[in-house]
Amino acid sequence: MYRNNHSNERANSEKIYLVDQSSWLPWLNIIKAKARRGCKQDIWQYIDPSKSSQPELPESPVEPKPSDIKLDAMTILDLDPEQFAKFQYLEKRYDIKLKQNTEIIHSIQEIDSYIMGSIQFDNELWTRDVDSTWALLRALQKRLSPTIQSRKIQIIRAYNALKIYNKQQSVDRFLYEWERVYGLAVSVGLPDVMDERPLYDFALSLDKIDANYATNLELRIDENVRQRSSNVLVNTIQLEDVIEEFRHYYSRHQATRAEKEFPTSFATSHNDIRAERKPCLCGNSHPFKECYYLNPSLRPEEWIGKETTYQKINQALADPKRIKIKTLIQKTSNYDGGPKGLNNITNKGLYECKTSANAVKQEQETDELLNSYHGNKLNFAALAANQSLNTLKNSWILDGGSDVHICNNSKKWDFKIMRKAERGDSIRAGNSSVPIDAYGTVKVKVDTMSGKKHITLENVILSNGFLTNIVSMQLINNSEYVFMRSIES
């Protein structure tokens, strides 16, 4: 007797419960796995219900005595050193065997407890009057194990249901069900899964997920059938391989779609906001680095660009709103401006704005523009397209794409530190990340209807060495000021 009759409490953790015939096989697989790998000893051979007679437990070991080594020995004192060494060896073997037997009994008791805790109450009727765990499983198997015929019917129904994809089911779960049901169908020898039939069924089921892939798979199957008809060495395509192949394909495809839905652009933001990708300045959809117009070194010898396209590019670069793109092109290419060059562009923008943000301390101090002056027109000079990077670093730019004010030189612009930046604080500029040194205030000189004034920008990010100094259009628009733009010829 080795059945534990003192643990009939149902476990609280989630598990597969034995309810009826439909749950017998998955439930028994759990019991089998726990008996083989979940205990200190593999005890499945002692409780396997497929065996017609109850398996015997290992015999209990007999503790060795000195007389087993020497017939007339009463104690170990009657043994010589060599005989005593043999006696010690027998004792070690006894201890090992005793430990193994004890672990087997304890493991069987653990499985017995698990079984009683995973049986639906109605099925506990079949657990009465059994004296071993094997007898318990045999009794449950007799009442709840499905017949081969009923099992085949269940598998056929499940297999046919997989032929049409249910959109309420995830693709991963759908593929898992294909693997599971196909494996069951093979195990019972269903004709439905012989030869290439399951391959065509799987291809058909993919039509609602990816019609192009489904069509290509059917063509591959047709070609494989044709080749096997003329060459016996050609193997049949395995459904398991096709399912795994589609799983990887679908995963890559979904990742690519996600990237297209959330592309990145050249944006400066403290919150790392991604904007919609825009076409090249020449009008095509290729990256800037692949454009013949912007990169003279890439141009074929006989290539001649269109003058209208050059004019389009030059006008775009002259637009102060696209100063970041201009800066990027200056850093990554040797754009020559086309036949006439960029130097002919004289489009210089002036931004008139209202803001409660920041101002620059220049050589000559000006009066503070107080809140009572709201309504004054304030001008920020924007860069012309032919200005250098050095000019860019020493200028303040009104930026419609930034959500923060940025100062790139604390000494030059008389930056007042309000608090130090924490480790890891940074701002995004395109694909680059620039560290933040501190947060504070700074003054910027502006043109108004009543002359030179300056305004104080608050909560400004200090990033020494940043490409330029930025006044955020977003923050300005949130203030009571407005801005206007004028063009100088």
Protein backbone atom coordinates (compact mmCIF):
# COMPACT_ATOMS: atom_id res chain seq x y z
CA MET A 1 0.00 0.00 0.00
CA TYR A 2 1.56 3.26 -1.00
CA ARG A 3 -1.43 5.49 -1.69
CA ASN A 4 -1.62 8.74 0.27
CA ASN A 5 -5.20 9.07 1.54
CA HIS A 6 -4.69 12.31 3.46
CA SER A 7 -4.53 14.98 0.71
CA ASN A 8 -7.81 15.45 -1.11
CA GLU A 9 -7.73 19.26 -1.12
CA ARG A 10 -7.85 20.83 -4.53
CA ALA A 11 -4.85 22.99 -5.37
CA ASN A 12 -5.49 26.69 -5.73
CA SER A 13 -3.08 27.27 -8.59
CA GLU A 14 -4.29 27.04 -12.18
CA LYS A 15 -4.17 23.55 -13.64
CA ILE A 16 -5.94 21.26 -16.09
CA TYR A 17 -8.87 19.55 -14.39
CA LEU A 18 -10.23 16.14 -15.30
CA VAL A 19 -13.84 16.86 -16.24
CA ASP A 20 -14.86 14.49 -19.03
CA GLN A 21 -13.48 12.58 -21.99
CA SER A 22 -12.35 15.73 -23.77
CA SER A 23 -9.98 16.59 -20.93
CA TRP A 24 -8.61 13.09 -20.29
CA LEU A 25 -5.63 13.19 -22.66
CA PRO A 26 -4.27 16.66 -21.78
CA TRP A 27 -4.85 15.90 -18.09
CA LEU A 28 -3.05 12.54 -18.31
CA ASN A 29 -0.14 14.20 -20.16
CA ILE A 30 0.29 16.60 -17.24
CA ILE A 31 0.28 13.70 -14.76
CA LYS A 32 2.81 11.84 -16.88
CA ALA A 33 5.12 14.86 -17.16
CA LYS A 34 5.01 15.49 -13.41
CA ALA A 35 5.70 11.82 -12.67
CA ARG A 36 8.73 11.78 -14.95
CA ARG A 37 10.25 15.21 -14.44
CA GLY A 38 8.48 16.89 -11.54
CA CYS A 39 9.63 14.51 -8.82
CA LYS A 40 12.99 13.47 -7.42
CA GLN A 41 12.54 10.05 -9.04
CA ASP A 42 10.92 9.02 -12.32
CA ILE A 43 7.93 7.11 -10.96
CA TRP A 44 5.73 6.87 -14.09
CA GLN A 45 6.62 3.20 -14.52
CA TYR A 46 4.99 2.48 -11.14
CA ILE A 47 1.68 4.27 -11.87
CA ASP A 48 1.27 3.90 -15.66
CA PRO A 49 -2.44 3.04 -16.19
CA SER A 50 -1.73 1.45 -19.58
CA LYS A 51 -0.21 -1.53 -17.75
CA SER A 52 -2.76 -4.27 -17.16
CA SER A 53 -1.33 -5.31 -13.80
CA GLN A 54 -0.05 -3.22 -10.94
CA PRO A 55 3.71 -2.59 -11.22
CA GLU A 56 5.85 -3.77 -8.36
CA LEU A 57 7.75 -1.27 -6.25
CA PRO A 58 11.50 -1.80 -5.77
CA GLU A 59 12.30 -4.24 -3.00
CA SER A 60 13.33 -2.71 0.28
CA PRO A 61 17.08 -3.11 0.82
CA VAL A 62 18.40 -5.30 3.63
CA GLU A 63 20.76 -3.64 6.05
CA PRO A 64 24.20 -5.34 5.91
CA LYS A 65 25.63 -7.18 8.94
CA PRO A 66 29.25 -8.05 9.78
CA SER A 67 28.35 -11.73 9.26
CA ASP A 68 27.67 -10.95 5.59
CA ILE A 69 31.43 -10.46 5.28
CA LYS A 70 32.65 -12.99 7.84
CA LEU A 71 30.32 -15.80 8.95
CA ASP A 72 31.40 -15.90 12.58
CA ALA A 73 31.68 -12.11 12.98
CA MET A 74 29.35 -10.67 15.61
CA THR A 75 30.46 -7.01 15.38
CA ILE A 76 32.68 -4.90 13.18
CA LEU A 77 35.44 -5.47 15.72
CA ASP A 78 35.64 -9.05 14.45
CA LEU A 79 36.59 -7.82 10.96
CA ASP A 80 40.10 -7.20 9.72
CA PRO A 81 40.83 -3.92 7.83
CA GLU A 82 40.10 -5.42 4.39
CA GLN A 83 36.84 -7.00 5.57
CA PHE A 84 35.83 -3.75 7.29
CA ALA A 85 36.35 -1.83 4.02
CA LYS A 86 34.00 -4.27 2.25
CA PHE A 87 31.44 -3.84 5.02
CA GLN A 88 31.58 -0.05 4.63
CA TYR A 89 30.97 -0.44 0.88
CA LEU A 90 27.84 -2.55 1.57
CA GLU A 91 26.59 0.07 4.01
CA LYS A 92 26.95 2.84 1.41
CA ARG A 93 25.04 0.80 -1.16
CA TYR A 94 22.32 0.17 1.41
CA ASP A 95 22.03 3.88 2.23
CA ILE A 96 21.78 4.82 -1.46
CA LYS A 97 19.13 2.19 -2.19
CA LEU A 98 17.13 3.13 0.90
CA LYS A 99 17.19 6.80 -0.10
CA GLN A 100 16.01 5.97 -3.63
CA ASN A 101 13.13 3.86 -2.37
CA THR A 102 12.09 6.55 0.09
CA GLU A 103 12.10 9.18 -2.67
CA ILE A 104 10.02 6.92 -4.92
CA ILE A 105 7.36 6.46 -2.24
CA HIS A 106 7.28 10.18 -1.45
CA SER A 107 7.04 11.05 -5.16
CA ILE A 108 4.12 8.67 -5.67
CA GLN A 109 2.37 10.27 -2.70
CA GLU A 110 2.93 13.73 -4.23
CA ILE A 111 1.43 12.63 -7.56
CA ASP A 112 -1.49 11.02 -5.74
CA SER A 113 -2.20 14.32 -3.99
CA TYR A 114 -2.01 16.22 -7.26
CA ILE A 115 -4.41 13.79 -8.95
CA MET A 116 -6.99 14.11 -6.18
CA GLY A 117 -6.69 17.89 -6.36
CA SER A 118 -7.30 18.01 -10.12
CA ILE A 119 -10.40 15.81 -10.39
CA GLN A 120 -13.81 17.38 -10.79
CA PHE A 121 -16.07 16.59 -7.85
CA ASP A 122 -18.40 14.39 -9.92
CA ASN A 123 -15.48 12.13 -10.85
CA GLU A 124 -14.38 11.51 -7.29
CA LEU A 125 -16.90 8.65 -7.23
CA TRP A 126 -14.42 6.57 -9.23
CA THR A 127 -11.63 7.13 -6.71
CA ARG A 128 -13.25 5.16 -3.93
CA ASP A 129 -12.03 1.73 -2.86
CA VAL A 130 -8.69 2.01 -4.68
CA ASP A 131 -5.55 1.19 -2.77
CA SER A 132 -2.79 2.59 -5.02
CA THR A 133 -2.12 5.45 -7.37
CA TRP A 134 -1.94 3.03 -10.30
CA ALA A 135 -5.38 1.64 -9.38
CA LEU A 136 -6.70 5.21 -9.14
CA LEU A 137 -5.53 6.06 -12.66
CA ARG A 138 -6.88 2.77 -14.00
CA ALA A 139 -10.30 3.50 -12.53
CA LEU A 140 -10.39 6.98 -14.03
CA GLN A 141 -9.13 5.71 -17.37
CA LYS A 142 -11.90 3.11 -17.51
CA ARG A 143 -14.63 5.75 -17.13
CA LEU A 144 -13.15 8.83 -18.77
CA SER A 145 -10.66 7.76 -21.43
CA PRO A 146 -12.19 8.35 -24.87
CA THR A 147 -12.45 5.46 -27.27
CA ILE A 148 -10.24 5.54 -30.34
CA GLN A 149 -13.25 6.25 -32.54
CA SER A 150 -14.57 9.12 -30.44
CA ARG A 151 -11.08 10.56 -30.23
CA LYS A 152 -10.75 10.50 -34.01
CA ILE A 153 -14.07 12.30 -34.36
CA GLN A 154 -12.91 15.03 -31.97
CA ILE A 155 -9.63 15.46 -33.84
CA ILE A 156 -11.37 15.57 -37.23
CA ARG A 157 -13.68 18.33 -36.00
CA ALA A 158 -10.78 20.32 -34.63
CA TYR A 159 -8.80 19.83 -37.86
CA ASN A 160 -11.66 20.94 -40.10
CA ALA A 161 -12.19 24.04 -37.95
CA LEU A 162 -8.59 25.09 -38.66
CA LYS A 163 -9.12 25.19 -42.42
CA ILE A 164 -10.70 28.65 -42.13
CA TYR A 165 -8.90 31.27 -40.05
CA ASN A 166 -10.95 32.78 -37.23
CA LYS A 167 -10.11 36.49 -37.13
CA GLN A 168 -10.95 36.65 -33.43
CA GLN A 169 -7.97 34.37 -32.79
CA SER A 170 -4.38 35.61 -32.77
CA VAL A 171 -2.11 34.33 -35.54
CA ASP A 172 0.31 32.86 -33.00
CA ARG A 173 -2.47 30.90 -31.34
CA PHE A 174 -3.78 29.80 -34.75
CA LEU A 175 -0.37 28.41 -35.74
CA TYR A 176 0.00 26.68 -32.38
CA GLU A 177 -3.39 24.97 -32.87
CA TRP A 178 -2.29 23.80 -36.31
CA GLU A 179 0.81 22.20 -34.80
CA ARG A 180 -1.13 20.62 -31.93
CA VAL A 181 -4.08 19.24 -33.91
CA TYR A 182 -1.88 18.06 -36.77
CA GLY A 183 0.28 16.14 -34.28
CA LEU A 184 -2.82 14.49 -32.79
CA ALA A 185 -4.13 13.61 -36.25
CA VAL A 186 -0.85 11.96 -37.17
CA SER A 187 -0.79 10.00 -33.90
CA VAL A 188 -4.16 8.37 -34.65
CA GLY A 189 -3.42 7.89 -38.36
CA LEU A 190 -6.13 10.10 -39.85
CA PRO A 191 -6.22 9.93 -43.67
CA ASP A 192 -6.85 13.69 -43.71
CA VAL A 193 -3.19 14.36 -42.89
CA MET A 194 -1.56 11.96 -45.32
CA ASP A 195 0.79 13.04 -48.14
CA GLU A 196 0.41 16.68 -49.21
CA ARG A 197 -3.23 17.09 -48.15
CA PRO A 198 -2.46 18.97 -44.90
CA LEU A 199 -0.11 21.27 -46.84
CA TYR A 200 -2.92 22.39 -49.16
CA ASP A 201 -5.29 22.74 -46.20
CA PHE A 202 -2.78 24.94 -44.38
CA ALA A 203 -2.21 27.09 -47.47
CA LEU A 204 -5.96 27.55 -47.81
CA SER A 205 -6.26 28.59 -44.17
CA LEU A 206 -3.66 31.35 -44.68
CA ASP A 207 -5.69 33.09 -47.38
CA LYS A 208 -7.38 35.47 -44.92
CA ILE A 209 -4.07 36.24 -43.19
CA ASP A 210 -1.79 36.73 -46.21
CA ALA A 211 -3.27 35.89 -49.61
CA ASN A 212 0.03 36.36 -51.48
CA TYR A 213 1.88 33.99 -49.17
CA ALA A 214 -0.94 31.44 -49.44
CA THR A 215 -0.79 31.54 -53.24
CA ASN A 216 2.99 31.18 -53.32
CA LEU A 217 2.80 28.26 -50.89
CA GLU A 218 0.31 26.45 -53.13
CA LEU A 219 2.65 26.92 -56.08
CA ARG A 220 5.55 25.50 -54.03
CA ILE A 221 3.45 22.48 -53.08
CA ASP A 222 2.46 21.92 -56.72
CA GLU A 223 6.11 22.08 -57.77
CA ASN A 224 7.12 19.66 -55.02
CA VAL A 225 4.43 17.19 -56.11
CA ARG A 226 5.60 17.45 -59.72
CA GLN A 227 9.24 16.87 -58.77
CA ARG A 228 8.42 13.86 -56.57
CA SER A 229 6.50 12.26 -59.40
CA SER A 230 9.66 12.15 -61.51
CA ASN A 231 12.34 11.85 -58.82
CA VAL A 232 11.96 9.54 -55.82
CA LEU A 233 14.84 11.28 -54.04
CA VAL A 234 12.81 14.48 -53.60
CA ASN A 235 11.28 14.64 -50.13
CA THR A 236 7.77 15.78 -49.31
CA ILE A 237 7.54 19.24 -47.77
CA GLN A 238 6.97 18.89 -44.03
CA LEU A 239 4.03 20.79 -42.57
CA GLU A 240 5.94 21.49 -39.34
CA ASP A 241 8.64 23.28 -41.35
CA VAL A 242 6.08 25.30 -43.30
CA ILE A 243 4.30 26.43 -40.12
CA GLU A 244 7.57 27.52 -38.53
CA GLU A 245 8.59 29.30 -41.74
CA PHE A 246 5.33 31.26 -41.85
CA ARG A 247 5.63 32.12 -38.16
CA HIS A 248 9.00 33.82 -38.78
CA TYR A 249 7.76 35.45 -42.00
CA TYR A 250 4.67 36.88 -40.31
CA SER A 251 6.69 38.18 -37.37
CA ARG A 252 9.12 40.01 -39.70
CA HIS A 253 6.24 41.34 -41.80
CA GLN A 254 4.47 42.74 -38.74
CA ALA A 255 7.67 44.42 -37.55
CA THR A 256 8.16 46.03 -40.98
CA ARG A 257 4.58 47.31 -41.00
CA ALA A 258 5.07 48.82 -37.55
CA GLU A 259 8.15 50.71 -38.77
CA LYS A 260 6.24 52.08 -41.76
CA GLU A 261 3.38 53.23 -39.56
CA PHE A 262 5.75 55.01 -37.15
CA PRO A 263 8.66 56.39 -39.24
CA THR A 264 11.22 58.85 -37.89
CA SER A 265 12.27 62.25 -39.21
CA PHE A 266 14.81 64.90 -38.30
CA ALA A 267 13.15 66.37 -35.21
CA THR A 268 14.51 67.93 -32.04
CA SER A 269 12.37 67.04 -29.07
CA HIS A 270 12.85 66.52 -25.37
CA ASN A 271 10.05 63.95 -25.50
CA ASP A 272 11.49 62.05 -28.49
CA ILE A 273 8.29 62.44 -30.52
CA ARG A 274 8.38 60.74 -33.93
CA ALA A 275 7.06 62.65 -36.92
CA GLU A 276 6.03 61.58 -40.38
CA ARG A 277 8.86 60.90 -42.83
CA LYS A 278 9.03 63.47 -45.66
CA PRO A 279 10.31 63.06 -49.22
CA CYS A 280 13.69 64.26 -50.46
CA LEU A 281 14.02 67.93 -51.40
CA CYS A 282 14.20 66.93 -55.06
CA GLY A 283 10.70 65.46 -54.83
CA ASN A 284 11.60 61.77 -54.88
CA SER A 285 11.13 59.37 -51.96
CA HIS A 286 14.76 58.25 -51.60
CA PRO A 287 16.94 59.28 -48.60
CA PHE A 288 19.00 62.49 -48.83
CA LYS A 289 22.24 60.49 -48.92
CA GLU A 290 21.17 58.75 -52.16
CA CYS A 291 20.12 61.90 -54.04
CA TYR A 292 22.23 62.86 -57.08
CA TYR A 293 21.21 66.52 -56.71
CA LEU A 294 22.38 66.80 -53.10
CA ASN A 295 25.48 64.59 -53.44
CA PRO A 296 27.76 65.57 -56.35
CA SER A 297 30.08 62.62 -55.62
CA LEU A 298 27.31 60.16 -56.50
CA ARG A 299 26.48 61.63 -59.91
CA PRO A 300 27.32 59.52 -62.99
CA GLU A 301 29.64 61.23 -65.49
CA GLU A 302 26.90 61.93 -68.05
CA TRP A 303 24.22 62.83 -65.51
CA ILE A 304 22.67 66.32 -65.82
CA GLY A 305 20.09 67.52 -63.35
CA LYS A 306 17.09 69.66 -64.12
CA GLU A 307 17.48 73.35 -63.39
CA THR A 308 13.89 73.51 -62.11
CA THR A 309 14.71 70.81 -59.55
CA TYR A 310 17.79 72.74 -58.40
CA GLN A 311 15.63 75.83 -58.00
CA LYS A 312 13.12 73.80 -55.98
CA ILE A 313 15.90 72.52 -53.69
CA ASN A 314 17.45 75.97 -53.27
CA GLN A 315 14.12 77.52 -52.38
CA ALA A 316 13.55 74.79 -49.79
CA LEU A 317 16.98 75.37 -48.25
CA ALA A 318 16.31 79.09 -48.11
CA ASP A 319 13.18 78.52 -46.04
CA PRO A 320 14.04 79.24 -42.37
CA LYS A 321 11.51 76.60 -41.34
CA ARG A 322 13.76 73.94 -42.88
CA ILE A 323 16.99 75.05 -41.23
CA LYS A 324 17.49 71.62 -39.65
CA ILE A 325 17.34 69.91 -43.04
CA LYS A 326 19.79 72.46 -44.43
CA THR A 327 22.15 71.79 -41.54
CA LEU A 328 21.90 68.04 -42.05
CA ILE A 329 22.73 68.39 -45.75
CA GLN A 330 25.69 70.66 -44.98
CA LYS A 331 27.09 68.05 -42.60
CA THR A 332 26.53 64.97 -44.77
CA SER A 333 27.01 66.14 -48.37
CA ASN A 334 28.85 68.64 -50.58
CA TYR A 335 25.82 70.13 -52.26
CA ASP A 336 26.95 72.68 -54.87
CA GLY A 337 23.66 74.45 -55.47
CA GLY A 338 23.44 73.40 -59.10
CA PRO A 339 24.47 75.48 -62.12
CA LYS A 340 23.89 78.78 -60.34
CA GLY A 341 24.84 77.70 -56.82
CA LEU A 342 23.29 78.47 -53.51
CA ASN A 343 25.10 81.81 -53.24
CA ASN A 344 22.51 83.41 -55.53
CA ILE A 345 19.83 82.84 -52.91
CA THR A 346 19.12 85.99 -50.93
CA ASN A 347 15.95 84.86 -49.25
CA LYS A 348 16.45 85.90 -45.65
CA GLY A 349 13.55 85.43 -43.25
CA LEU A 350 12.57 87.54 -40.30
CA TYR A 351 10.32 86.05 -37.64
CA GLU A 352 8.11 88.36 -35.65
CA CYS A 353 6.85 86.61 -32.50
CA LYS A 354 5.49 87.00 -29.02
CA THR A 355 6.85 84.84 -26.22
CA SER A 356 7.47 84.65 -22.53
CA ALA A 357 10.53 82.51 -23.20
CA ASN A 358 14.19 83.61 -23.31
CA ALA A 359 16.50 86.44 -24.44
CA VAL A 360 20.23 86.90 -25.12
CA LYS A 361 22.61 89.20 -23.34
CA GLN A 362 24.48 90.87 -26.23
CA GLU A 363 27.14 93.63 -26.16
CA GLN A 364 24.57 96.36 -25.49
CA GLU A 365 21.90 95.76 -22.82
CA THR A 366 18.31 96.63 -23.74
CA ASP A 367 15.20 97.23 -21.71
CA GLU A 368 13.31 94.21 -20.41
CA LEU A 369 10.16 93.44 -22.35
CA LEU A 370 7.64 93.08 -19.53
CA ASN A 371 4.31 91.27 -19.60
CA SER A 372 2.61 94.66 -19.98
CA TYR A 373 4.12 94.94 -23.47
CA HIS A 374 2.15 91.95 -24.84
CA GLY A 375 1.14 92.90 -28.36
CA ASN A 376 4.58 94.22 -29.40
CA LYS A 377 6.02 92.61 -32.53
CA LEU A 378 9.24 90.72 -31.80
CA ASN A 379 11.66 89.71 -34.56
CA PHE A 380 14.00 86.69 -34.61
CA ALA A 381 16.45 86.72 -37.52
CA ALA A 382 16.52 83.38 -39.34
CA LEU A 383 19.48 81.99 -41.26
CA ALA A 384 19.75 82.34 -45.00
CA ALA A 385 20.52 79.17 -46.95
CA ASN A 386 24.16 80.12 -47.58
CA GLN A 387 25.13 80.70 -43.94
CA SER A 388 27.88 78.57 -42.42
CA LEU A 389 27.75 76.12 -39.52
CA ASN A 390 29.80 78.60 -37.49
CA THR A 391 27.07 81.20 -38.03
CA LEU A 392 24.50 78.62 -37.05
CA LYS A 393 26.22 77.92 -33.73
CA ASN A 394 26.26 81.64 -32.91
CA SER A 395 22.59 82.30 -33.74
CA TRP A 396 19.18 81.84 -32.23
CA ILE A 397 16.68 79.99 -34.43
CA LEU A 398 12.91 80.02 -34.08
CA ASP A 399 12.06 76.33 -34.53
CA GLY A 400 8.56 75.07 -35.24
CA GLY A 401 9.54 71.44 -34.67
CA SER A 402 11.08 71.73 -31.21
CA ASP A 403 9.14 71.53 -27.97
CA VAL A 404 11.96 72.98 -25.84
CA HIS A 405 14.25 76.03 -25.76
CA ILE A 406 17.93 75.10 -26.15
CA CYS A 407 21.09 77.12 -25.38
CA ASN A 408 24.46 75.83 -26.64
CA ASN A 409 26.93 78.09 -24.77
CA SER A 410 26.38 79.11 -21.15
CA LYS A 411 29.19 81.70 -21.11
CA LYS A 412 28.45 83.40 -24.42
CA TRP A 413 24.74 83.80 -23.75
CA ASP A 414 24.95 84.52 -20.02
CA PHE A 415 22.95 81.42 -19.11
CA LYS A 416 21.60 81.42 -15.52
CA ILE A 417 21.53 77.89 -14.09
CA MET A 418 18.41 77.10 -12.06
CA ARG A 419 19.08 73.38 -11.53
CA LYS A 420 21.52 70.72 -12.68
CA ALA A 421 20.47 68.00 -15.08
CA GLU A 422 20.12 64.46 -13.80
CA ARG A 423 22.15 61.57 -15.16
CA GLY A 424 20.64 60.30 -18.40
CA ASP A 425 18.79 63.54 -19.28
CA SER A 426 19.11 64.10 -23.03
CA ILE A 427 17.41 65.59 -26.07
CA ARG A 428 16.84 63.96 -29.44
CA ALA A 429 18.13 65.51 -32.68
CA GLY A 430 17.26 63.25 -35.59
CA ASN A 431 18.77 59.88 -34.76
CA SER A 432 21.24 61.36 -32.27
CA SER A 433 20.94 61.84 -28.53
CA VAL A 434 22.61 64.90 -26.97
CA PRO A 435 23.21 65.12 -23.19
CA ILE A 436 21.65 67.93 -21.16
CA ASP A 437 23.97 69.88 -18.84
CA ALA A 438 21.49 72.02 -16.90
CA TYR A 439 18.18 73.92 -16.89
CA GLY A 440 17.84 77.66 -16.45
CA THR A 441 17.03 81.06 -17.99
CA VAL A 442 18.59 83.19 -20.72
CA LYS A 443 17.85 86.53 -22.42
CA VAL A 444 17.42 86.98 -26.18
CA LYS A 445 17.48 90.35 -28.02
CA VAL A 446 14.47 91.01 -30.26
CA ASP A 447 13.24 93.73 -32.63
CA THR A 448 9.95 95.38 -31.74
CA MET A 449 7.94 98.26 -33.12
CA SER A 450 9.47 100.43 -30.40
CA GLY A 451 13.07 99.32 -30.98
CA LYS A 452 15.50 96.77 -29.54
CA LYS A 453 14.24 94.82 -26.55
CA HIS A 454 15.05 91.52 -24.92
CA ILE A 455 12.90 88.76 -23.48
CA THR A 456 13.70 86.15 -20.85
CA LEU A 457 13.23 82.50 -21.73
CA GLU A 458 12.55 80.21 -18.80
CA ASN A 459 13.17 76.49 -18.31
CA VAL A 460 15.79 76.54 -21.06
CA ILE A 461 17.88 73.42 -21.69
CA LEU A 462 21.64 73.98 -21.61
CA SER A 463 23.49 71.61 -23.94
CA ASN A 464 27.00 72.99 -24.46
CA GLY A 465 28.22 72.37 -27.99
CA PHE A 466 24.75 71.79 -29.48
CA LEU A 467 24.35 72.59 -33.18
CA THR A 468 22.55 75.90 -32.63
CA ASN A 469 20.40 77.86 -30.16
CA ILE A 470 16.68 77.18 -30.44
CA VAL A 471 13.58 79.11 -29.45
CA SER A 472 10.60 76.74 -29.45
CA MET A 473 7.71 77.89 -31.63
CA GLN A 474 5.39 75.60 -29.68
CA LEU A 475 6.16 77.33 -26.38
CA ILE A 476 5.84 80.76 -28.00
CA ASN A 477 2.42 79.89 -29.40
CA ASN A 478 1.35 78.87 -25.91
CA SER A 479 2.17 82.38 -24.65
CA GLU A 480 0.26 85.59 -25.34
CA TYR A 481 2.66 86.67 -28.06
CA VAL A 482 2.20 86.15 -31.81
CA PHE A 483 4.77 86.07 -34.57
CA MET A 484 4.85 87.16 -38.22
CA ARG A 485 7.31 86.51 -41.02
CA SER A 486 8.72 88.98 -43.54
CA ILE A 487 11.00 88.32 -46.54
CA GLU A 488 13.96 90.48 -47.47
CA SER A 489 14.88 90.68 -51.15
